[in-house]
N, C-alpha and C. Protein backbone atom coordinates (compact mmCIF):
# COMPACT_ATOMS: atom_id res chain seq x y z
N MET A 1 -267.54 138.71 -41.98
CA MET A 1 -266.33 138.64 -41.56
C MET A 1 -265.31 137.76 -40.68
N ARG A 2 -264.62 137.48 -41.00
CA ARG A 2 -263.64 136.77 -40.37
C ARG A 2 -262.71 137.98 -38.80
N PRO A 3 -262.94 136.67 -37.93
CA PRO A 3 -262.26 137.81 -37.10
C PRO A 3 -260.73 138.17 -37.33
N ILE A 4 -260.08 139.24 -37.15
CA ILE A 4 -258.41 139.04 -37.25
C ILE A 4 -257.75 138.41 -35.64
N ARG A 5 -256.55 137.52 -35.83
CA ARG A 5 -255.85 137.20 -35.44
C ARG A 5 -254.74 137.79 -35.27
N GLN A 6 -254.25 138.00 -34.19
CA GLN A 6 -253.33 138.72 -33.68
C GLN A 6 -252.34 137.42 -33.00
N ASN A 7 -250.71 137.44 -34.02
CA ASN A 7 -249.97 137.26 -33.27
C ASN A 7 -249.45 137.29 -31.46
N SER A 8 -249.63 136.36 -30.82
CA SER A 8 -249.88 136.74 -29.19
C SER A 8 -248.23 136.11 -28.85
N VAL A 9 -246.84 137.03 -29.44
CA VAL A 9 -245.80 136.45 -28.94
C VAL A 9 -245.21 137.62 -27.79
N LYS A 10 -244.82 136.52 -26.87
CA LYS A 10 -245.28 137.40 -25.56
C LYS A 10 -243.75 137.83 -25.75
N PRO A 11 -243.43 139.52 -25.42
CA PRO A 11 -242.50 140.63 -25.03
C PRO A 11 -241.41 139.59 -24.27
N ILE A 12 -241.86 139.01 -23.31
CA ILE A 12 -240.14 137.76 -23.09
C ILE A 12 -239.15 137.54 -23.55
N ALA A 13 -240.14 136.63 -24.27
CA ALA A 13 -239.51 135.84 -25.20
C ALA A 13 -239.12 136.37 -26.21
N VAL A 14 -239.03 137.34 -26.69
CA VAL A 14 -238.53 138.13 -28.07
C VAL A 14 -237.28 138.64 -27.37
N ALA A 15 -237.40 139.03 -26.21
CA ALA A 15 -236.38 139.28 -25.52
C ALA A 15 -236.03 137.99 -24.94
N ALA A 16 -236.09 137.37 -24.65
CA ALA A 16 -234.55 136.19 -24.58
C ALA A 16 -234.14 135.69 -26.01
N ALA A 17 -234.96 135.65 -26.89
CA ALA A 17 -234.40 134.94 -27.96
C ALA A 17 -233.58 136.07 -28.74
N LEU A 18 -233.27 137.87 -28.19
CA LEU A 18 -232.59 138.91 -28.22
C LEU A 18 -230.97 138.25 -27.19
N VAL A 19 -231.53 138.45 -26.48
CA VAL A 19 -230.21 138.07 -25.67
C VAL A 19 -229.31 137.03 -25.97
N LEU A 20 -229.75 135.52 -25.86
CA LEU A 20 -229.51 134.74 -26.33
C LEU A 20 -228.37 134.73 -27.34
N GLY A 21 -229.39 135.33 -29.08
CA GLY A 21 -228.71 135.34 -30.31
C GLY A 21 -227.72 136.55 -30.08
N VAL A 22 -227.50 137.70 -28.76
CA VAL A 22 -226.72 138.81 -28.92
C VAL A 22 -225.38 137.67 -28.54
N GLY A 23 -225.48 136.92 -27.28
CA GLY A 23 -225.05 136.45 -26.67
C GLY A 23 -223.85 134.83 -26.89
N LEU A 24 -224.93 134.35 -28.33
CA LEU A 24 -223.75 133.45 -29.32
C LEU A 24 -222.87 134.16 -29.64
N ALA A 25 -223.52 135.33 -30.51
CA ALA A 25 -222.51 136.11 -31.59
C ALA A 25 -221.05 136.42 -30.80
N GLY A 26 -221.34 136.65 -29.80
CA GLY A 26 -220.09 137.41 -28.81
C GLY A 26 -219.23 136.39 -28.62
N CYS A 27 -219.51 135.23 -28.79
CA CYS A 27 -218.78 134.27 -28.35
C CYS A 27 -217.97 133.23 -29.17
N SER A 28 -218.58 134.02 -30.63
CA SER A 28 -218.13 132.75 -31.78
C SER A 28 -216.84 133.17 -32.35
N GLY A 29 -215.77 133.99 -31.64
CA GLY A 29 -214.67 134.28 -32.75
C GLY A 29 -213.48 133.59 -31.34
N HIS A 30 -214.63 133.09 -29.99
CA HIS A 30 -213.53 132.50 -29.12
C HIS A 30 -213.62 130.42 -29.62
N GLN A 31 -212.47 130.18 -28.91
CA GLN A 31 -212.82 128.43 -29.28
C GLN A 31 -212.67 127.93 -27.76
N THR A 32 -212.94 127.03 -27.69
CA THR A 32 -212.75 126.01 -26.61
C THR A 32 -212.23 124.81 -26.79
N THR A 33 -211.11 124.34 -25.80
CA THR A 33 -210.44 123.28 -26.15
C THR A 33 -210.38 122.91 -25.04
N SER A 34 -210.86 121.30 -24.42
CA SER A 34 -210.56 120.63 -23.62
C SER A 34 -208.86 119.93 -23.13
N ALA A 35 -208.31 120.24 -23.72
CA ALA A 35 -206.67 120.07 -23.83
C ALA A 35 -206.08 120.68 -23.08
N ALA A 36 -204.78 120.42 -22.20
CA ALA A 36 -203.98 121.23 -21.27
C ALA A 36 -203.18 121.91 -22.12
N PRO A 37 -203.27 123.27 -20.88
CA PRO A 37 -202.58 124.34 -21.81
C PRO A 37 -200.95 123.80 -22.31
N LYS A 38 -200.54 124.71 -23.18
CA LYS A 38 -199.38 124.33 -23.77
C LYS A 38 -198.73 124.91 -23.22
N ALA A 39 -197.05 124.60 -22.96
CA ALA A 39 -196.08 125.12 -22.66
C ALA A 39 -195.67 126.20 -22.80
N SER A 40 -195.24 127.76 -22.44
CA SER A 40 -195.12 128.76 -22.80
C SER A 40 -193.78 128.39 -23.58
N VAL A 41 -193.27 129.07 -24.89
CA VAL A 41 -191.97 129.17 -25.22
C VAL A 41 -191.28 129.99 -24.97
N PRO A 42 -190.40 130.74 -24.46
CA PRO A 42 -189.60 131.84 -24.41
C PRO A 42 -189.11 132.65 -26.10
N ALA A 43 -189.43 133.75 -25.86
CA ALA A 43 -189.00 134.28 -27.21
C ALA A 43 -187.58 134.89 -27.29
N PRO A 44 -187.34 134.67 -29.16
CA PRO A 44 -185.92 134.66 -28.60
C PRO A 44 -185.91 135.74 -28.61
N THR A 45 -184.19 136.00 -28.17
CA THR A 45 -183.92 136.98 -27.59
C THR A 45 -182.53 137.83 -28.75
N THR A 46 -182.70 138.90 -29.04
CA THR A 46 -181.73 139.58 -30.14
C THR A 46 -180.59 140.39 -28.99
N VAL A 47 -179.33 140.25 -29.50
CA VAL A 47 -178.58 140.90 -28.08
C VAL A 47 -178.19 142.42 -29.05
N LEU A 48 -178.42 143.39 -28.82
CA LEU A 48 -178.29 144.73 -28.94
C LEU A 48 -177.01 144.93 -27.94
N ALA A 49 -176.30 145.95 -29.10
CA ALA A 49 -175.35 146.88 -28.12
C ALA A 49 -175.65 147.38 -27.51
N PRO A 50 -174.65 147.78 -26.54
CA PRO A 50 -175.35 148.66 -25.37
C PRO A 50 -175.01 150.20 -25.98
N PRO A 51 -175.98 150.62 -25.53
CA PRO A 51 -176.13 152.08 -25.39
C PRO A 51 -175.07 153.06 -24.93
N VAL A 52 -175.45 154.50 -25.47
CA VAL A 52 -174.07 155.26 -25.85
C VAL A 52 -174.15 156.32 -24.41
N VAL A 53 -173.69 156.41 -23.55
CA VAL A 53 -173.39 157.01 -22.24
C VAL A 53 -172.37 158.23 -22.74
N ALA A 54 -172.59 159.55 -22.13
CA ALA A 54 -172.07 160.60 -22.57
C ALA A 54 -170.26 160.13 -22.38
N GLY A 55 -169.59 160.72 -22.63
CA GLY A 55 -168.00 160.79 -22.98
C GLY A 55 -167.64 159.69 -23.18
N GLN A 56 -168.48 158.29 -24.22
CA GLN A 56 -167.92 157.40 -24.88
C GLN A 56 -167.31 157.64 -25.99
N LEU A 57 -167.59 158.38 -26.51
CA LEU A 57 -167.35 159.45 -27.62
C LEU A 57 -166.17 160.08 -27.64
N ALA A 58 -165.68 160.90 -26.78
CA ALA A 58 -164.96 161.94 -27.12
C ALA A 58 -163.21 161.79 -27.67
N GLY A 59 -163.18 162.34 -28.85
CA GLY A 59 -161.60 161.60 -29.29
C GLY A 59 -161.54 160.81 -29.97
N ARG A 60 -163.02 160.45 -30.46
CA ARG A 60 -163.27 158.95 -31.31
C ARG A 60 -163.06 159.26 -32.75
N VAL A 61 -162.67 158.84 -33.80
CA VAL A 61 -163.39 159.12 -34.89
C VAL A 61 -163.98 157.98 -35.51
N PHE A 62 -165.12 158.00 -36.55
CA PHE A 62 -165.53 156.29 -37.29
C PHE A 62 -165.77 156.92 -38.33
N ARG A 63 -165.67 156.04 -38.93
CA ARG A 63 -165.30 156.21 -40.36
C ARG A 63 -166.28 155.01 -40.46
N VAL A 64 -167.44 155.36 -41.85
CA VAL A 64 -168.70 154.99 -42.02
C VAL A 64 -168.70 153.87 -43.10
N THR A 65 -169.19 152.36 -42.35
CA THR A 65 -168.99 151.50 -43.33
C THR A 65 -170.20 150.51 -44.26
N ARG A 66 -171.14 151.43 -43.35
CA ARG A 66 -172.46 151.11 -44.10
C ARG A 66 -173.69 151.88 -44.17
N ILE A 67 -174.52 152.01 -44.76
CA ILE A 67 -175.82 152.80 -44.61
C ILE A 67 -176.20 152.19 -45.34
N THR A 68 -177.60 152.04 -44.61
CA THR A 68 -179.19 151.10 -45.00
C THR A 68 -180.14 152.26 -44.40
N GLU A 69 -181.64 151.93 -45.86
CA GLU A 69 -182.25 153.55 -45.43
C GLU A 69 -183.31 152.39 -45.81
N ARG A 70 -184.77 152.42 -44.73
CA ARG A 70 -185.67 151.73 -44.62
C ARG A 70 -185.23 150.04 -44.64
N GLY A 71 -184.00 150.00 -43.97
CA GLY A 71 -183.35 148.56 -43.94
C GLY A 71 -182.73 147.57 -45.20
N ALA A 72 -183.01 148.50 -46.26
CA ALA A 72 -181.87 148.28 -48.05
C ALA A 72 -180.41 148.97 -47.59
N ASP A 73 -179.65 148.15 -48.06
CA ASP A 73 -178.41 148.81 -48.27
C ASP A 73 -177.79 149.84 -49.68
N VAL A 74 -177.09 150.73 -48.83
CA VAL A 74 -177.16 152.37 -50.22
C VAL A 74 -176.04 151.80 -49.95
N ALA A 75 -175.50 152.45 -51.47
CA ALA A 75 -173.86 152.12 -51.71
C ALA A 75 -173.32 153.49 -51.40
N ILE A 76 -172.02 152.95 -50.13
CA ILE A 76 -171.32 154.70 -49.86
C ILE A 76 -170.67 154.74 -51.45
N ASP A 77 -170.27 156.80 -51.53
CA ASP A 77 -170.37 157.06 -52.99
C ASP A 77 -168.84 156.53 -53.11
N PRO A 78 -168.58 155.82 -54.59
CA PRO A 78 -167.04 155.59 -54.82
C PRO A 78 -166.50 157.24 -54.54
N GLY A 79 -165.07 156.86 -54.32
CA GLY A 79 -164.03 157.49 -53.65
C GLY A 79 -164.28 158.43 -52.60
N THR A 80 -165.35 158.25 -51.92
CA THR A 80 -165.26 158.97 -50.28
C THR A 80 -165.08 157.94 -49.19
N ALA A 81 -164.82 158.54 -48.56
CA ALA A 81 -164.74 158.15 -47.04
C ALA A 81 -165.67 158.48 -45.94
N PRO A 82 -166.60 159.14 -45.58
CA PRO A 82 -167.37 159.54 -44.45
C PRO A 82 -167.24 159.04 -43.41
N LYS A 83 -166.81 160.12 -42.52
CA LYS A 83 -166.22 159.39 -40.90
C LYS A 83 -166.81 160.78 -39.80
N ILE A 84 -167.22 160.41 -38.80
CA ILE A 84 -167.48 160.95 -38.05
C ILE A 84 -166.72 161.79 -37.04
N SER A 85 -166.01 162.20 -36.56
CA SER A 85 -165.43 162.58 -35.22
C SER A 85 -165.76 163.45 -33.67
N PHE A 86 -165.56 163.18 -32.65
CA PHE A 86 -165.95 163.15 -32.24
C PHE A 86 -165.15 164.40 -30.79
N THR A 87 -165.52 165.02 -29.63
CA THR A 87 -164.81 165.76 -28.80
C THR A 87 -165.94 165.78 -27.78
N THR A 88 -165.98 166.26 -26.75
CA THR A 88 -167.20 166.02 -25.63
C THR A 88 -168.18 166.73 -25.52
N ASP A 89 -168.40 167.53 -26.40
CA ASP A 89 -169.68 168.26 -26.83
C ASP A 89 -169.45 168.60 -28.24
N HIS A 90 -168.82 167.56 -29.26
CA HIS A 90 -169.00 168.15 -30.64
C HIS A 90 -168.94 167.24 -31.15
N PHE A 91 -168.98 167.47 -32.79
CA PHE A 91 -169.03 166.64 -33.75
C PHE A 91 -169.08 167.57 -35.09
N THR A 92 -167.72 166.38 -35.90
CA THR A 92 -167.55 166.76 -37.34
C THR A 92 -168.09 165.42 -38.02
N ALA A 93 -169.36 165.69 -39.08
CA ALA A 93 -169.24 164.43 -40.23
C ALA A 93 -168.38 164.86 -41.45
N ASP A 94 -167.79 163.74 -42.09
CA ASP A 94 -167.32 164.52 -43.65
C ASP A 94 -167.72 163.62 -44.40
N MET A 95 -168.39 163.87 -45.13
CA MET A 95 -169.72 163.15 -45.94
C MET A 95 -169.51 162.90 -47.09
N GLY A 96 -168.28 163.13 -47.51
CA GLY A 96 -167.65 162.78 -48.69
C GLY A 96 -167.94 163.87 -49.40
N CYS A 97 -167.86 165.21 -49.75
CA CYS A 97 -167.26 166.16 -50.09
C CYS A 97 -168.07 167.77 -49.12
N ASN A 98 -169.48 168.02 -48.81
CA ASN A 98 -169.86 168.76 -47.50
C ASN A 98 -168.90 168.14 -45.82
N SER A 99 -169.53 168.93 -44.98
CA SER A 99 -169.36 168.48 -43.85
C SER A 99 -170.33 168.86 -42.44
N LEU A 100 -170.97 168.38 -41.62
CA LEU A 100 -171.86 168.71 -40.63
C LEU A 100 -170.99 169.17 -39.20
N ASP A 101 -171.13 170.22 -38.55
CA ASP A 101 -170.21 170.30 -37.92
C ASP A 101 -171.30 170.94 -36.71
N ALA A 102 -171.80 170.25 -35.17
CA ALA A 102 -172.32 170.14 -34.81
C ALA A 102 -172.46 170.38 -32.96
N THR A 103 -172.46 170.82 -32.19
CA THR A 103 -172.52 170.80 -31.04
C THR A 103 -173.81 169.26 -30.85
N TYR A 104 -173.22 168.44 -29.51
CA TYR A 104 -174.10 167.58 -29.25
C TYR A 104 -173.72 167.18 -28.09
N SER A 105 -174.98 166.39 -27.10
CA SER A 105 -174.81 165.61 -26.24
C SER A 105 -175.85 164.04 -26.13
N VAL A 106 -175.67 163.73 -25.06
CA VAL A 106 -175.86 161.94 -25.52
C VAL A 106 -177.64 162.14 -24.38
N ASP A 107 -178.62 162.20 -24.29
CA ASP A 107 -179.83 162.18 -23.46
C ASP A 107 -179.64 160.78 -22.59
N ALA A 108 -180.64 161.08 -21.58
CA ALA A 108 -180.71 159.65 -20.37
C ALA A 108 -180.83 158.48 -21.21
N ALA A 109 -182.25 159.07 -22.55
CA ALA A 109 -182.55 157.61 -22.80
C ALA A 109 -181.21 157.27 -24.14
N HIS A 110 -179.96 157.52 -23.89
CA HIS A 110 -179.32 157.33 -24.87
C HIS A 110 -179.09 157.65 -26.56
N HIS A 111 -180.00 158.61 -27.11
CA HIS A 111 -179.82 159.68 -27.92
C HIS A 111 -179.33 160.73 -28.37
N LEU A 112 -178.77 160.81 -29.16
CA LEU A 112 -178.35 162.39 -29.93
C LEU A 112 -179.04 163.81 -29.95
N VAL A 113 -178.51 164.50 -28.99
CA VAL A 113 -179.03 165.38 -28.85
C VAL A 113 -178.48 166.55 -29.61
N ARG A 114 -178.70 167.16 -30.58
CA ARG A 114 -177.54 168.26 -31.09
C ARG A 114 -178.31 169.38 -31.55
N PRO A 115 -178.44 170.55 -30.18
CA PRO A 115 -179.58 171.85 -30.36
C PRO A 115 -179.30 172.68 -31.61
N MET A 116 -177.62 172.05 -32.05
CA MET A 116 -177.77 172.99 -33.52
C MET A 116 -176.72 172.83 -34.47
N GLY A 117 -176.65 172.86 -35.48
CA GLY A 117 -175.66 172.36 -36.35
C GLY A 117 -175.26 173.15 -37.55
N VAL A 118 -174.35 172.69 -38.66
CA VAL A 118 -174.07 173.78 -39.46
C VAL A 118 -173.20 172.71 -40.96
N VAL A 119 -174.37 172.71 -41.91
CA VAL A 119 -173.76 172.23 -43.26
C VAL A 119 -172.52 172.93 -44.04
N SER A 120 -171.95 172.18 -44.13
CA SER A 120 -170.76 173.25 -45.55
C SER A 120 -171.70 173.24 -46.97
N GLN A 121 -171.56 173.96 -47.79
CA GLN A 121 -172.44 173.86 -49.10
C GLN A 121 -171.38 174.25 -50.08
N VAL A 122 -170.19 173.25 -49.97
CA VAL A 122 -169.59 173.69 -51.33
C VAL A 122 -170.42 172.39 -52.39
N GLY A 123 -170.20 173.19 -53.64
CA GLY A 123 -170.81 172.69 -55.14
C GLY A 123 -170.16 171.14 -54.81
N CYS A 124 -170.79 169.68 -55.06
CA CYS A 124 -169.82 168.41 -55.18
C CYS A 124 -170.73 167.60 -56.42
N GLY A 125 -171.59 167.99 -56.54
CA GLY A 125 -172.54 167.65 -57.73
C GLY A 125 -173.47 167.07 -57.18
N SER A 126 -174.70 166.11 -57.87
CA SER A 126 -175.52 165.35 -57.68
C SER A 126 -175.29 164.35 -56.71
N ALA A 127 -173.70 163.57 -56.92
CA ALA A 127 -173.84 162.88 -57.13
C ALA A 127 -173.83 162.12 -55.53
N SER A 128 -173.20 162.96 -54.42
CA SER A 128 -172.85 162.89 -52.92
C SER A 128 -174.31 163.26 -52.26
N SER A 129 -175.03 164.22 -52.66
CA SER A 129 -176.49 164.93 -52.31
C SER A 129 -177.05 163.14 -51.51
N GLY A 130 -177.01 162.52 -52.31
CA GLY A 130 -178.06 161.19 -51.32
C GLY A 130 -177.38 160.72 -50.28
N GLN A 131 -176.29 160.84 -50.49
CA GLN A 131 -174.86 160.11 -49.21
C GLN A 131 -175.50 161.53 -47.99
N GLU A 132 -174.92 162.49 -48.28
CA GLU A 132 -175.02 163.37 -47.50
C GLU A 132 -176.18 163.69 -46.73
N THR A 133 -177.77 163.88 -47.40
CA THR A 133 -178.91 163.83 -47.05
C THR A 133 -179.10 162.44 -46.16
N ARG A 134 -178.88 161.44 -46.34
CA ARG A 134 -178.91 159.97 -45.58
C ARG A 134 -178.29 160.54 -44.18
N ILE A 135 -176.65 160.69 -44.26
CA ILE A 135 -175.91 161.19 -43.29
C ILE A 135 -176.51 161.92 -42.49
N THR A 136 -176.56 163.30 -43.02
CA THR A 136 -177.18 164.41 -42.32
C THR A 136 -178.73 163.52 -41.30
N ARG A 137 -179.80 163.01 -42.06
CA ARG A 137 -180.95 162.31 -41.69
C ARG A 137 -180.82 161.53 -39.83
N ALA A 138 -179.32 161.07 -40.25
CA ALA A 138 -179.52 159.89 -38.87
C ALA A 138 -178.50 160.69 -38.29
N LEU A 139 -177.95 161.56 -38.73
CA LEU A 139 -177.76 162.19 -37.23
C LEU A 139 -178.24 163.70 -36.29
N ARG A 140 -179.35 164.21 -36.94
CA ARG A 140 -180.22 164.46 -36.51
C ARG A 140 -180.71 164.00 -35.05
N THR A 141 -181.02 165.10 -34.30
CA THR A 141 -181.92 165.16 -32.26
C THR A 141 -182.55 163.59 -32.73
N GLY A 142 -182.16 162.62 -31.50
CA GLY A 142 -183.10 162.11 -31.24
C GLY A 142 -182.43 160.31 -31.78
N ALA A 143 -181.45 160.59 -32.63
CA ALA A 143 -180.79 159.61 -32.99
C ALA A 143 -180.31 158.45 -32.17
N ALA A 144 -180.35 157.25 -32.24
CA ALA A 144 -179.79 156.17 -31.17
C ALA A 144 -179.07 156.06 -31.29
N LEU A 145 -178.77 155.34 -30.46
CA LEU A 145 -177.01 155.24 -30.22
C LEU A 145 -176.30 153.93 -29.73
N ALA A 146 -175.64 153.11 -30.27
CA ALA A 146 -175.33 151.83 -29.72
C ALA A 146 -173.69 151.70 -29.56
N LEU A 147 -172.88 150.72 -29.02
CA LEU A 147 -171.93 151.53 -29.24
C LEU A 147 -171.08 150.10 -28.55
N ARG A 148 -170.32 149.08 -29.34
CA ARG A 148 -170.01 148.09 -28.86
C ARG A 148 -168.68 148.27 -29.85
N GLY A 149 -167.22 147.88 -28.46
CA GLY A 149 -165.95 147.91 -28.89
C GLY A 149 -165.66 148.96 -29.81
N ASP A 150 -165.71 148.75 -31.38
CA ASP A 150 -164.91 149.40 -31.99
C ASP A 150 -165.66 150.33 -33.11
N ARG A 151 -167.11 149.79 -32.93
CA ARG A 151 -168.26 149.59 -33.77
C ARG A 151 -169.43 150.67 -32.92
N LEU A 152 -169.78 151.61 -33.91
CA LEU A 152 -171.19 152.55 -33.68
C LEU A 152 -172.55 152.35 -34.08
N THR A 153 -173.33 152.35 -34.21
CA THR A 153 -174.74 152.69 -34.73
C THR A 153 -175.46 154.08 -34.54
N ILE A 154 -175.89 154.14 -35.53
CA ILE A 154 -176.52 155.54 -35.23
C ILE A 154 -177.93 155.37 -36.16
N SER A 155 -178.92 155.27 -35.45
CA SER A 155 -180.22 154.74 -35.97
C SER A 155 -180.98 156.17 -35.87
N ASN A 156 -181.80 156.69 -36.68
CA ASN A 156 -182.35 158.15 -36.88
C ASN A 156 -183.51 157.53 -37.72
N ASP A 157 -184.88 157.55 -37.39
CA ASP A 157 -186.00 157.40 -38.73
C ASP A 157 -185.79 155.89 -39.33
N ASP A 158 -185.88 156.58 -40.83
CA ASP A 158 -185.32 154.48 -41.65
C ASP A 158 -183.76 154.77 -42.30
N VAL A 159 -182.65 155.51 -41.20
CA VAL A 159 -181.90 155.82 -41.90
C VAL A 159 -180.71 154.79 -40.82
N THR A 160 -179.73 153.98 -41.30
CA THR A 160 -178.98 153.82 -40.21
C THR A 160 -177.40 153.75 -40.46
N LEU A 161 -176.29 153.78 -39.10
CA LEU A 161 -175.69 154.11 -40.54
C LEU A 161 -174.68 153.20 -39.70
N ASP A 162 -173.59 152.42 -40.22
CA ASP A 162 -172.53 151.45 -39.31
C ASP A 162 -171.26 151.88 -39.44
N THR A 163 -170.25 152.27 -37.64
CA THR A 163 -169.64 152.38 -38.63
C THR A 163 -167.86 151.82 -37.65
N THR A 164 -167.15 152.53 -38.42
CA THR A 164 -165.66 151.12 -37.36
C THR A 164 -164.72 152.67 -36.54
N SER A 165 -164.25 152.23 -35.64
CA SER A 165 -163.45 153.32 -34.95
C SER A 165 -162.04 153.22 -35.87
N VAL A 166 -161.48 154.39 -36.00
CA VAL A 166 -160.57 154.54 -36.82
C VAL A 166 -159.20 155.52 -35.66
N PRO A 167 -157.66 154.63 -35.91
CA PRO A 167 -156.99 155.73 -35.03
C PRO A 167 -156.82 157.10 -35.64
């Protein structure tokens, strides 16, 4: 019989190979270079409209000039001229057929806070229901308000209303 020869690999060598393999695998996602670091380029800045503070909307009426949903323009229903009228703590949105009446305030983060509101239920047909739904969604609690001169932007979730102040 032949003697059985066992492989005499030392446990320390196995452990060293394992540590070396794990260490190299961890570095594989990193690139090294001897070039000098590049100068940082400032990120482009976007000029945003100033946020609305309490009292700026009181006594003003804004006509909705553009509605976007998920960034895409949505046509304003023909024959309608949606508008939003503000007092110090109340607004009325004439949405084309129905209207939305609500109390509101503007919080410290320049968002609309509307604890309660009522939508009229006039049967106008299905044509204006999409427009009314979008306007109502935009005017929910949490809408971001930004005012620049006579232009008010109201954004909430995926709907944005661009408006212009009217006399």
